[in-house]
């Protein structure tokens, strides 16, 4: 059984290409049977690769689309996936090859292997760079700036924390708290 990675994609660019991709997703979603037999259903990533003309033997597709929506005001297509171990980079690159006028930003979380990353360097859609989890209190919170994170963590942990290093040490010495930095990666 894999650890599940949860990824949100924000797709922008050429409007005709966004509409075409969204229409293909709706077509898959409305099929009575999956385009390709699988254990995930109509929105298995392999079905998406197949409907876009790809070979599922050449593109790693372990996972499915859990939700998708198109925002007409902003012309942004959002796709949420659940995949094995990590974001399905091969599928993302395949889509970018099929639709060269699109840019795909993503944010990925896979807690078991502590993968928290985005390719949204400038924070257009995914501006958070830190995660703090007060497991017995507020729950998971996301932060853009270290100052805001440190103020929140100081209140939650009941001690003044002035640096990320101090926060790391405090979390290591405690139960009930966790902290992660969100890595910004190149495409």
Protein backbone atom coordinates (compact mmCIF):
# COMPACT_ATOMS: atom_id res chain seq x y z
CA UNK A 1 0.00 0.00 0.00
CA UNK A 2 1.53 3.33 -1.02
CA UNK A 3 1.64 6.54 0.91
CA UNK A 4 -0.81 8.84 -0.82
CA UNK A 5 0.33 12.18 -2.15
CA UNK A 6 -2.28 14.89 -2.54
CA UNK A 7 -1.57 17.43 -5.25
CA UNK A 8 -3.46 20.49 -6.43
CA UNK A 9 -2.72 21.82 -9.90
CA UNK A 10 -3.58 25.30 -11.16
CA UNK A 11 -3.47 25.41 -14.95
CA UNK A 12 -3.33 28.70 -16.82
CA UNK A 13 -2.46 29.88 -20.31
CA UNK A 14 -4.07 29.48 -23.72
CA UNK A 15 -7.85 29.60 -23.24
CA UNK A 16 -8.60 27.17 -26.10
CA UNK A 17 -6.21 24.62 -24.61
CA UNK A 18 -7.69 25.05 -21.12
CA UNK A 19 -11.19 24.54 -22.53
CA UNK A 20 -10.08 21.47 -24.48
CA UNK A 21 -8.46 19.89 -21.41
CA UNK A 22 -11.49 20.72 -19.25
CA UNK A 23 -13.84 19.22 -21.89
CA UNK A 24 -11.75 16.03 -21.99
CA UNK A 25 -11.96 15.77 -18.19
CA UNK A 26 -15.74 16.22 -18.31
CA UNK A 27 -15.97 13.59 -21.06
CA UNK A 28 -14.01 11.11 -18.94
CA UNK A 29 -16.05 11.91 -15.84
CA UNK A 30 -19.34 11.31 -17.67
CA UNK A 31 -18.41 7.96 -19.24
CA UNK A 32 -20.43 4.92 -18.14
CA UNK A 33 -17.25 2.83 -18.02
CA UNK A 34 -13.63 3.95 -17.69
CA UNK A 35 -11.84 4.56 -20.99
CA UNK A 36 -9.19 2.09 -19.78
CA UNK A 37 -10.01 -0.70 -17.30
CA UNK A 38 -8.40 0.13 -13.93
CA UNK A 39 -8.95 0.14 -10.19
CA UNK A 40 -9.41 3.91 -9.87
CA UNK A 41 -12.42 4.67 -12.06
CA UNK A 42 -13.16 7.12 -14.87
CA UNK A 43 -10.71 9.73 -13.65
CA UNK A 44 -7.68 7.45 -13.36
CA UNK A 45 -4.67 9.37 -14.67
CA UNK A 46 -4.16 6.64 -17.28
CA UNK A 47 -7.58 7.46 -18.74
CA UNK A 48 -6.51 11.10 -19.04
CA UNK A 49 -3.26 10.12 -20.75
CA UNK A 50 -5.18 7.82 -23.12
CA UNK A 51 -7.81 10.42 -24.09
CA UNK A 52 -4.98 12.87 -24.80
CA UNK A 53 -3.38 10.39 -27.21
CA UNK A 54 -0.67 9.03 -24.94
CA UNK A 55 0.59 5.55 -24.19
CA UNK A 56 -0.15 4.43 -20.62
CA UNK A 57 2.77 2.01 -20.84
CA UNK A 58 5.14 4.97 -21.23
CA UNK A 59 3.66 7.45 -18.72
CA UNK A 60 3.54 6.50 -15.03
CA UNK A 61 -0.08 7.05 -13.98
CA UNK A 62 -0.57 5.66 -10.47
CA UNK A 63 -3.42 7.69 -9.06
CA UNK A 64 -6.58 9.51 -9.93
CA UNK A 65 -8.23 12.89 -10.17
CA UNK A 66 -10.39 13.46 -7.10
CA UNK A 67 -11.86 16.75 -8.27
CA UNK A 68 -11.56 19.31 -11.06
CA UNK A 69 -13.13 22.68 -11.74
CA UNK A 70 -12.81 25.52 -14.19
CA UNK A 71 -13.05 29.13 -13.02
CA UNK A 72 -14.27 31.16 -15.99
CA UNK A 73 -13.60 34.53 -14.30
CA UNK A 74 -9.89 33.82 -13.90
CA UNK A 75 -9.53 31.21 -16.67
CA UNK A 76 -7.92 28.76 -14.23
CA UNK A 77 -8.45 25.02 -14.37
CA UNK A 78 -7.92 23.34 -10.98
CA UNK A 79 -7.24 19.63 -10.70
CA UNK A 80 -6.82 17.72 -7.43
CA UNK A 81 -5.18 14.30 -7.44
CA UNK A 82 -4.41 11.43 -5.12
CA UNK A 83 -1.35 9.53 -6.28
CA UNK A 84 1.12 6.93 -5.06
CA UNK A 85 4.08 8.35 -3.15
CA UNK A 86 4.52 11.59 -5.10
CA UNK A 87 3.11 14.04 -7.61
CA UNK A 88 2.82 12.39 -11.01
CA UNK A 89 5.49 14.43 -12.74
CA UNK A 90 5.35 12.31 -15.91
CA UNK A 91 1.64 13.01 -16.34
CA UNK A 92 2.18 16.74 -15.74
CA UNK A 93 4.97 16.87 -18.33
CA UNK A 94 2.86 14.85 -20.77
CA UNK A 95 -0.01 17.35 -20.44
CA UNK A 96 2.42 20.24 -20.96
CA UNK A 97 3.68 18.55 -24.15
CA UNK A 98 0.14 18.03 -25.45
CA UNK A 99 -0.78 21.62 -24.56
CA UNK A 100 2.35 23.76 -25.02
CA UNK A 101 0.37 26.95 -24.33
CA UNK A 102 -0.36 25.93 -20.74
CA UNK A 103 1.57 26.48 -17.54
CA UNK A 104 0.89 24.05 -14.71
CA UNK A 105 1.57 25.15 -11.13
CA UNK A 106 1.25 22.60 -8.36
CA UNK A 107 1.43 22.04 -4.63
CA UNK A 108 2.13 18.54 -3.33
CA UNK A 109 1.79 17.05 0.15
CA UNK A 110 2.84 13.52 1.06
CA UNK A 111 3.00 13.39 4.84
CA UNK A 112 4.46 9.88 5.22
CA UNK A 113 7.69 10.76 3.43
CA UNK A 114 7.43 14.41 4.47
CA UNK A 115 7.21 15.79 0.94
CA UNK A 116 5.83 19.31 0.86
CA UNK A 117 6.67 21.16 -2.34
CA UNK A 118 5.53 23.52 -5.06
CA UNK A 119 6.82 24.79 -8.36
CA UNK A 120 5.02 28.10 -7.77
CA UNK A 121 8.17 30.09 -7.11
CA UNK A 122 6.42 33.46 -7.05
CA UNK A 123 3.38 32.34 -5.05
CA UNK A 124 0.76 33.10 -7.71
CA UNK A 125 -1.45 30.28 -6.42
CA UNK A 126 0.55 28.55 -3.68
CA UNK A 127 2.17 31.21 -1.54
CA UNK A 128 2.54 29.21 1.69
CA UNK A 129 6.08 28.22 2.59
CA UNK A 130 5.56 26.74 6.08
CA UNK A 131 3.20 24.30 7.76
CA UNK A 132 2.69 24.10 11.51
CA UNK A 133 0.52 21.42 13.09
CA UNK A 134 -0.75 21.86 16.63
CA UNK A 135 -2.25 18.38 16.79
CA UNK A 136 -4.13 19.00 20.05
CA UNK A 137 -5.18 22.58 19.36
CA UNK A 138 -5.62 24.59 16.20
CA UNK A 139 -4.68 21.80 13.79
CA UNK A 140 -2.75 22.40 10.57
CA UNK A 141 -1.99 26.00 9.62
CA UNK A 142 -0.16 27.31 6.55
CA UNK A 143 2.06 30.41 6.55
CA UNK A 144 3.64 32.61 3.89
CA UNK A 145 6.16 34.34 6.13
CA UNK A 146 8.43 33.09 8.90
CA UNK A 147 7.43 35.96 11.21
CA UNK A 148 3.77 34.95 11.14
CA UNK A 149 4.66 31.29 11.61
CA UNK A 150 6.94 32.02 14.58
CA UNK A 151 4.33 34.22 16.28
CA UNK A 152 1.67 31.53 15.89
CA UNK A 153 3.98 28.69 16.99
CA UNK A 154 5.16 30.73 20.01
CA UNK A 155 1.54 31.14 21.18
CA UNK A 156 0.68 27.51 20.52
CA UNK A 157 3.79 26.12 22.24
CA UNK A 158 3.85 28.63 25.07
CA UNK A 159 7.42 29.80 24.49
CA UNK A 160 9.09 32.59 22.58
CA UNK A 161 10.52 31.32 19.28
CA UNK A 162 12.57 33.79 17.26
CA UNK A 163 14.11 31.62 14.51
CA UNK A 164 13.18 28.64 12.37
CA UNK A 165 16.03 26.73 14.07
CA UNK A 166 14.49 27.42 17.49
CA UNK A 167 11.14 26.21 16.19
CA UNK A 168 12.71 23.01 14.81
CA UNK A 169 14.38 22.33 18.19
CA UNK A 170 11.16 23.02 20.10
CA UNK A 171 9.15 20.69 17.85
CA UNK A 172 11.80 17.96 18.17
CA UNK A 173 11.56 18.21 21.98
CA UNK A 174 7.76 18.08 22.12
CA UNK A 175 4.81 15.84 21.46
CA UNK A 176 1.80 17.13 19.63
CA UNK A 177 3.48 19.60 17.27
CA UNK A 178 5.05 19.30 13.85
CA UNK A 179 6.60 21.79 11.46
CA UNK A 180 7.53 21.55 7.78
CA UNK A 181 9.05 23.94 5.28
CA UNK A 182 7.49 23.85 1.83
CA UNK A 183 10.25 23.38 -0.72
CA UNK A 184 10.14 25.42 -3.90
CA UNK A 185 11.33 23.27 -6.81
CA UNK A 186 12.12 23.93 -10.45
CA UNK A 187 9.91 22.39 -13.10
